[in-house]
Amino acid sequence: MGASKRFIRTSCAAALLTFFSTGHAFATEIQEGIASFYSDRFQGSPTASGVPFDQQALTAAHPTLPFGTKVLVTRPDTGQEVEVLINDRGPFVKGRIIDLSKR
């Protein structure tokens, strides 16, 4: 999964709050690290889940979270948050924890 060179850098960190649905309860996990955007060249390509990549959808790639997991990504320097759905594997660049669609 290639990624463009645009990073969300906030003290070199983006925080992920992950929600795992287990019946009616939710388990949470927090990760901190660098998030990146997918390259435009992946538009329409199949993701690891089989769904074509749509850079306008609120989706993301993570190395281990199950497909369908909802993740809240926070940019600590601005407080901006976005909820994305994991539908792909990646990123494949050391030090990055998630690849995000552009939207």
Protein backbone atom coordinates (compact mmCIF):
# COMPACT_ATOMS: atom_id res chain seq x y z
CA MET A 1 0.00 0.00 0.00
CA GLY A 2 1.85 3.09 -1.15
CA ALA A 3 1.26 6.36 0.54
CA SER A 4 1.88 9.90 -0.55
CA LYS A 5 4.39 12.01 1.32
CA ARG A 6 1.69 14.05 3.04
CA PHE A 7 1.55 13.12 6.71
CA ILE A 8 -0.67 14.08 9.55
CA ARG A 9 2.08 15.19 11.88
CA THR A 10 1.28 16.54 15.26
CA SER A 11 4.30 16.17 17.40
CA CYS A 12 4.83 13.22 15.05
CA ALA A 13 1.61 11.69 16.30
CA ALA A 14 -1.94 10.86 15.44
CA ALA A 15 -4.06 9.07 17.98
CA LEU A 16 -6.36 6.18 17.13
CA LEU A 17 -9.26 5.24 19.31
CA THR A 18 -10.48 1.88 18.13
CA PHE A 19 -13.92 0.51 18.80
CA PHE A 20 -14.37 -3.25 18.66
CA SER A 21 -18.00 -4.23 18.69
CA THR A 22 -18.59 -7.23 20.92
CA GLY A 23 -22.33 -7.57 21.17
CA HIS A 24 -23.51 -4.53 23.11
CA ALA A 25 -20.16 -3.71 24.68
CA PHE A 26 -17.22 -1.90 23.11
CA ALA A 27 -13.57 -2.54 23.75
CA THR A 28 -11.21 0.38 23.15
CA GLU A 29 -7.55 0.57 22.32
CA ILE A 30 -5.45 3.71 21.84
CA GLN A 31 -2.48 3.87 19.48
CA GLU A 32 -0.28 6.86 18.73
CA GLY A 33 1.86 7.35 15.67
CA ILE A 34 1.99 8.78 12.17
CA ALA A 35 -0.98 8.59 9.82
CA SER A 36 -0.63 8.97 6.06
CA PHE A 37 -2.90 9.29 3.03
CA TYR A 38 -3.23 6.79 0.20
CA SER A 39 -1.74 7.80 -3.12
CA ASP A 40 -4.19 8.86 -5.85
CA ARG A 41 -3.00 5.99 -8.03
CA PHE A 42 -4.91 3.47 -5.87
CA GLN A 43 -8.33 4.95 -6.74
CA GLY A 44 -10.56 2.06 -7.87
CA SER A 45 -8.03 -0.66 -7.02
CA PRO A 46 -9.31 -3.56 -4.91
CA THR A 47 -8.57 -3.33 -1.20
CA ALA A 48 -7.60 -6.35 0.90
CA SER A 49 -11.29 -6.70 1.86
CA GLY A 50 -12.25 -6.88 -1.83
CA VAL A 51 -14.00 -3.49 -1.95
CA PRO A 52 -12.66 -1.05 -4.59
CA PHE A 53 -10.71 1.82 -2.99
CA ASP A 54 -12.61 5.12 -2.98
CA GLN A 55 -10.52 8.10 -1.89
CA GLN A 56 -13.72 10.02 -1.07
CA ALA A 57 -14.97 7.35 1.37
CA LEU A 58 -14.07 7.49 5.06
CA THR A 59 -11.95 4.33 5.04
CA ALA A 60 -8.49 3.30 6.17
CA ALA A 61 -5.86 0.59 6.11
CA HIS A 62 -4.45 -0.91 9.31
CA PRO A 63 -2.06 -3.87 9.63
CA THR A 64 -4.05 -5.92 12.17
CA LEU A 65 -7.50 -4.53 13.00
CA PRO A 66 -10.39 -6.62 11.65
CA PHE A 67 -12.17 -5.37 8.53
CA GLY A 68 -15.28 -3.44 9.52
CA THR A 69 -13.69 -1.97 12.66
CA LYS A 70 -14.52 1.70 13.21
CA VAL A 71 -11.59 3.87 14.25
CA LEU A 72 -11.62 7.44 15.53
CA VAL A 73 -8.49 9.24 14.28
CA THR A 74 -7.54 12.43 16.11
CA ARG A 75 -5.06 15.06 15.05
CA PRO A 76 -3.70 16.20 18.44
CA ASP A 77 -2.43 19.61 17.34
CA THR A 78 -5.86 20.74 16.09
CA GLY A 79 -8.24 18.37 17.85
CA GLN A 80 -9.80 17.42 14.49
CA GLU A 81 -11.34 13.96 14.53
CA VAL A 82 -12.67 11.62 11.87
CA GLU A 83 -14.25 8.18 12.15
CA VAL A 84 -13.09 5.73 9.48
CA LEU A 85 -13.86 2.13 8.61
CA ILE A 86 -10.99 -0.35 8.26
CA ASN A 87 -11.25 -2.07 4.87
CA ASP A 88 -7.62 -2.60 3.86
CA ARG A 89 -4.19 -3.68 5.10
CA GLY A 90 -1.25 -1.33 5.49
CA PRO A 91 0.55 0.94 5.82
CA PHE A 92 3.70 -0.76 4.66
CA VAL A 93 6.04 2.05 5.66
CA LYS A 94 7.86 1.73 8.97
CA GLY A 95 6.65 4.12 11.63
CA ARG A 96 3.18 4.72 10.20
CA ILE A 97 0.16 3.25 11.97
CA ILE A 98 -2.70 3.90 9.54
CA ASP A 99 -3.32 4.92 5.91
CA LEU A 100 -6.36 7.15 5.42
CA SER A 101 -8.51 7.94 2.40
CA LYS A 102 -8.20 11.60 1.38
CA ARG A 103 -11.65 12.75 2.35
